[in-house]
Protein backbone atom coordinates (compact mmCIF):
# COMPACT_ATOMS: atom_id res chain seq x y z
CA UNK A 1 -84.00 6.15 27.63
CA UNK A 2 -84.31 4.52 30.81
CA UNK A 3 -80.48 5.46 31.62
CA UNK A 4 -81.34 9.13 30.83
CA UNK A 5 -84.27 9.36 33.00
CA UNK A 6 -82.32 7.46 35.84
CA UNK A 7 -79.52 10.30 35.24
CA UNK A 8 -82.13 12.97 35.40
CA UNK A 9 -83.87 11.86 38.69
CA UNK A 10 -80.35 11.24 40.38
CA UNK A 11 -79.32 14.86 39.12
CA UNK A 12 -82.51 16.27 40.64
CA UNK A 13 -82.06 14.44 43.65
CA UNK A 14 -78.41 15.63 44.23
CA UNK A 15 -79.76 19.37 43.56
CA UNK A 16 -82.90 19.16 45.46
CA UNK A 17 -81.83 22.04 47.77
CA UNK A 18 -81.72 24.25 44.57
CA UNK A 19 -85.04 23.36 43.45
CA UNK A 20 -88.26 25.50 44.10
CA UNK A 21 -91.31 23.66 42.61
CA UNK A 22 -93.18 27.22 43.56
CA UNK A 23 -90.94 28.87 41.03
CA UNK A 24 -92.12 26.52 38.27
CA UNK A 25 -95.94 26.71 38.58
CA UNK A 26 -96.57 29.91 40.13
CA UNK A 27 -96.60 32.26 37.02
CA UNK A 28 -99.55 30.45 35.34
CA UNK A 29 -101.50 30.00 38.43
CA UNK A 30 -101.04 33.50 39.54
CA UNK A 31 -102.75 34.71 36.29
CA UNK A 32 -105.93 32.86 37.39
CA UNK A 33 -108.54 32.38 34.76
CA UNK A 34 -106.33 34.04 32.28
CA UNK A 35 -103.61 31.56 32.91
CA UNK A 36 -105.75 28.70 32.45
CA UNK A 37 -107.08 29.98 29.21
CA UNK A 38 -103.65 30.54 28.13
CA UNK A 39 -102.72 27.12 28.95
CA UNK A 40 -105.74 25.75 26.93
CA UNK A 41 -105.04 27.61 24.07
CA UNK A 42 -101.24 26.47 23.95
CA UNK A 43 -102.55 23.06 24.35
CA UNK A 44 -105.09 23.35 21.63
CA UNK A 45 -102.61 24.57 19.16
CA UNK A 46 -99.32 22.83 19.96
CA UNK A 47 -100.65 19.33 20.83
CA UNK A 48 -101.87 18.85 17.15
CA UNK A 49 -98.42 19.99 15.96
CA UNK A 50 -96.97 16.82 17.53
CA UNK A 51 -96.19 18.43 21.20
CA UNK A 52 -96.82 15.35 23.35
CA UNK A 53 -100.23 15.48 25.26
CA UNK A 54 -98.40 14.27 28.38
CA UNK A 55 -96.30 17.28 28.49
CA UNK A 56 -99.40 19.50 29.05
CA UNK A 57 -100.84 17.02 31.41
CA UNK A 58 -97.71 17.15 33.47
CA UNK A 59 -97.54 20.90 33.32
CA UNK A 60 -101.14 20.93 34.74
CA UNK A 61 -100.71 18.45 37.39
CA UNK A 62 -97.82 20.41 38.52
CA UNK A 63 -99.43 23.81 38.39
CA UNK A 64 -102.86 23.15 39.88
CA UNK A 65 -104.50 20.88 42.33
CA UNK A 66 -105.58 17.61 40.94
CA UNK A 67 -109.33 18.48 40.24
CA UNK A 68 -108.57 21.78 38.36
CA UNK A 69 -105.78 19.93 36.54
CA UNK A 70 -107.86 17.17 35.33
CA UNK A 71 -110.72 19.52 34.09
CA UNK A 72 -107.99 21.54 32.25
CA UNK A 73 -106.26 18.32 31.06
CA UNK A 74 -109.49 17.05 29.69
CA UNK A 75 -110.70 20.15 28.18
CA UNK A 76 -107.22 20.43 26.30
CA UNK A 77 -107.19 16.80 25.07
CA UNK A 78 -110.89 17.46 23.80
CA UNK A 79 -109.97 20.74 22.34
CA UNK A 80 -106.75 19.51 20.66
CA UNK A 81 -108.69 16.69 19.21
CA UNK A 82 -111.26 18.98 17.68
CA UNK A 83 -108.48 21.35 16.32
CA UNK A 84 -106.71 18.23 14.63
CA UNK A 85 -110.07 17.08 13.38
CA UNK A 86 -111.09 20.55 12.00
CA UNK A 87 -107.51 20.87 10.52
CA UNK A 88 -107.45 17.63 8.75
CA UNK A 89 -111.34 17.75 7.64
CA UNK A 90 -111.19 21.14 6.00
CA UNK A 91 -107.49 21.47 4.96
CA UNK A 92 -106.08 18.26 4.38
CA UNK A 93 -109.18 16.05 3.51
CA UNK A 94 -109.40 16.25 -0.37
CA UNK A 95 -105.47 15.72 -0.57
CA UNK A 96 -105.18 12.83 2.16
CA UNK A 97 -108.49 10.84 1.00
CA UNK A 98 -107.05 9.88 -2.15
CA UNK A 99 -103.87 8.48 -0.45
CA UNK A 100 -105.65 6.19 1.99
CA UNK A 101 -104.42 2.80 1.55
CA UNK A 102 -107.09 -0.03 0.72
CA UNK A 103 -106.67 -1.97 3.85
CA UNK A 104 -107.48 1.35 5.82
CA UNK A 105 -110.64 2.14 3.68
CA UNK A 106 -112.50 -0.60 5.53
CA UNK A 107 -112.16 1.51 8.80
CA UNK A 108 -113.12 4.65 6.86
CA UNK A 109 -116.29 2.68 6.03
CA UNK A 110 -116.83 1.56 9.60
CA UNK A 111 -116.44 5.17 10.78
CA UNK A 112 -119.04 6.31 8.36
CA UNK A 113 -121.63 3.67 9.69
CA UNK A 114 -120.68 3.29 13.40
CA UNK A 115 -118.79 6.43 14.16
CA UNK A 116 -119.47 6.67 17.72
CA UNK A 117 -118.38 3.11 18.51
CA UNK A 118 -115.23 3.14 16.31
CA UNK A 119 -114.14 6.51 17.56
CA UNK A 120 -114.80 5.46 21.15
CA UNK A 121 -112.86 2.43 20.69
CA UNK A 122 -110.01 4.12 18.86
CA UNK A 123 -109.60 6.70 21.78
CA UNK A 124 -109.70 4.09 24.51
CA UNK A 125 -106.93 2.30 22.51
CA UNK A 126 -104.86 4.86 20.99
CA UNK A 127 -105.80 8.22 23.08
CA UNK A 128 -104.40 11.05 21.29
CA UNK A 129 -101.99 9.48 18.92
CA UNK A 130 -101.24 12.02 16.07
CA UNK A 131 -101.89 9.54 13.13
CA UNK A 132 -105.13 8.61 14.70
CA UNK A 133 -105.98 12.21 15.27
CA UNK A 134 -105.50 13.29 11.70
CA UNK A 135 -107.19 10.14 10.17
CA UNK A 136 -110.35 11.01 12.13
CA UNK A 137 -110.42 14.38 10.45
CA UNK A 138 -110.02 13.07 6.93
CA UNK A 139 -112.20 9.99 7.60
CA UNK A 140 -116.09 10.22 6.83
CA UNK A 141 -117.13 10.11 10.41
CA UNK A 142 -119.72 12.95 11.35
CA UNK A 143 -118.69 15.39 13.64
CA UNK A 144 -121.39 14.58 16.39
CA UNK A 145 -120.18 10.70 16.73
CA UNK A 146 -116.47 12.14 16.63
CA UNK A 147 -117.15 14.46 19.36
CA UNK A 148 -119.06 12.13 21.65
CA UNK A 149 -116.73 9.27 20.93
CA UNK A 150 -113.85 11.57 21.95
CA UNK A 151 -115.36 13.03 24.75
CA UNK A 152 -116.17 9.53 26.34
CA UNK A 153 -113.00 7.75 24.92
CA UNK A 154 -110.37 10.28 26.41
CA UNK A 155 -112.16 10.21 29.80
CA UNK A 156 -110.49 7.14 31.34
CA UNK A 157 -106.75 7.98 30.14
CA UNK A 158 -106.93 11.53 31.25
CA UNK A 159 -108.34 10.48 34.67
CA UNK A 160 -105.61 8.00 35.26
CA UNK A 161 -102.56 9.93 33.89
CA UNK A 162 -103.57 13.14 35.84
CA UNK A 163 -104.19 11.63 39.25
CA UNK A 164 -101.15 9.22 38.88
CA UNK A 165 -98.90 11.87 37.70
CA UNK A 166 -100.28 13.88 40.83
CA UNK A 167 -99.51 11.18 43.23
CA UNK A 168 -96.19 10.68 41.59
CA UNK A 169 -95.19 14.38 41.60
CA UNK A 170 -96.09 14.87 45.42
CA UNK A 171 -93.97 11.82 45.91
CA UNK A 172 -91.10 13.23 44.15
CA UNK A 173 -91.72 16.66 45.73
CA UNK A 174 -91.40 15.14 49.19
CA UNK A 175 -88.28 13.28 48.23
CA UNK A 176 -86.51 16.23 46.82
CA UNK A 177 -87.46 18.71 49.50
CA UNK A 178 -86.76 16.32 52.43
């Protein structure tokens, strides 16, 4: 994987005179608010279908300035968590609950009694890992503690990824343009 990433960086560096960053992010940005809503809709639909959250955050970081990218990324991560929760809770819960292994059931009990703290810890440790997203939906955690724990738990990672990514993309832009 490292060799592939290194090869991609070398290819981009050698073709830097032909890369136009404006062509990548102008279409969504030019749409204004509808572009932002389109981005959020895609984020909330496709991320729960196992499209990496980092692809969406990178797209936001390349498209908008850091503060807007953060707000949109945060809303997208939260929205995709809610989408995963709702899908699991209302469409898969009955089927999946009967298949929860005994060693995992203790976490389900903890989610029922200490939902906020458990969701917060899971989000800080595992962020939007798909299996955690689905497990939260089939668990006995109530919606309020799920939402509060998710909203606070995703904040640090989203902040770090957006602002670190913004700095890296700015640096790469200067390398490839100059």
